[in-house]
Amino acid sequence: MKNSKKTLLIIGGGFAGMTIITQTYKQFNIILLDQKSYFEFIPSIFNCFIHPESIFDLTLQFKNSKFGILFIQGKLTHIENNIAFYEGGKIEFDYCAITIGSNYTHPIKSNIPKLSDRFIELKKTQQKIIESSTILIIGGGTVGVELACEIKSSYKSKTVALITKSKILSTMPKSASDYAKKRMNDLGIEIQENYKGHSLNSNFDLVFNCKGNSYESVRLDDNFEMFDPQKQFLVDEYLKIRTNPKVYCAGDICLSSQNETKTAFSAEMQGEIVAYNLKHPNKLIKSYWIPNTYIISLGGWKAIFVFETFTFGGFLPYLMKLFIEIVVVNDFRGVFGFNTIHQIMNYIVYFMLYIYMIFQLLYAIAPLGSKIKQDQRIELKRIQQEIEEFKKQ
């Protein structure tokens, strides 16, 4: 019997791509195109700088996927209409989801094709850290903070310094920045915020550049809208490429009207939206608000949890991150039951968002309520005065 399923091409097997696969593999013939042969749980990668063998707990080989996908290893070069070209061939598709993510400096993110070679890269990184007495981290965002704390908590005798042109965790609530800074000071990390001086690279044995993402350049035909200056794809409210209704986009490479913070969680949530819209072409849902939520490792058994403007730190966020890592990796591996747990976790996050919004609303209304009560007290006092004056008459 001929397979009547349509072909869905997913370009990029990161968080967004894998989420789409887990949600649509029953409805589509899925082809996955990726430069690498494996998925990697990047949020926990810094532990692999200290213990390289742990990379095998954070990865899965696409060829071993339990979702019945056809995996093609290669790099996308360009798309013309409904044909994707890669180095060595082309793929025709009915629908496409571009989820190629973003690049970061090696060895934090890597396009090394084979997992065994990635392990070797991490072993070399570990050896460099061991051999270095002084280590400089450039960048005070989540990546720089996590890396500095991971190294210093594991190698207490080493000099670890971090410089940043702004504040530590400058895009997050002040409470998160203060907590992270205190933890770094307790570990003995040298911090220079608002740094405007010359390069310090020559003063240190080892330097890690943690200044941010960059994006691949992919050539598109005239049916596609051009990239923005950062080379991200512009999408409509349904996460479709605005000039081609058959092509969706999610993850770091996607530029939506919400302009959400690029995290693994936001990539997953956009993947959920794309998956739903692929399965329900006549009942599309719009891209909804994705809450800003992070769990930032701070070395040892400590981390900080950030949800919009709410933060707390300690051992519990560390356990939360470990639990999320186990659930997500096993869900993407196709281990029975973990997809359900993963979905429940995501529902909990949005339930937290609703509660947070209610409290924010009540907080905004409270001053208004106080003013109304004050006006009522003034009016009541005026009436009482009139009654007293009437009695005197």
Foldseek 3Di string as FASTA:
>chain_A
DDDPAFEEEEEADELLSLLLLLLCLVRHAYEYEAQAQKYFPLQPCLVCLQVVVCRVVGMDGPVLAPSNHHYDHFDFAEDEFQWTDTVPGIDGGQFYEYERAWDDDPPSPDSPHYPVVNSVSSVVSSVLLVPWQEEEEEAQALVSLQNQLASLLVPVRGAYEYEYLAARNVVAAPVQRVVSVVLCVVSPYHYHHNDDDDDCVVVTSYYDYDHDTAHDAHDYDPQADAADPRQAAEAEQLQARPSHNRYGYAANSYQYPLRDDGDSQRRSLNSVQNSVCVVCVPDHDTRDDDWDWDWGDRHDQKIKIGTHRDIDMDNVSSVVVVVLSNLSNCVSSVPPPSVVVVVVVVVVSVVVVVVVVVVVVCVVCVVVVVVVVVVVVVVVVVVVVVVVVVVVD
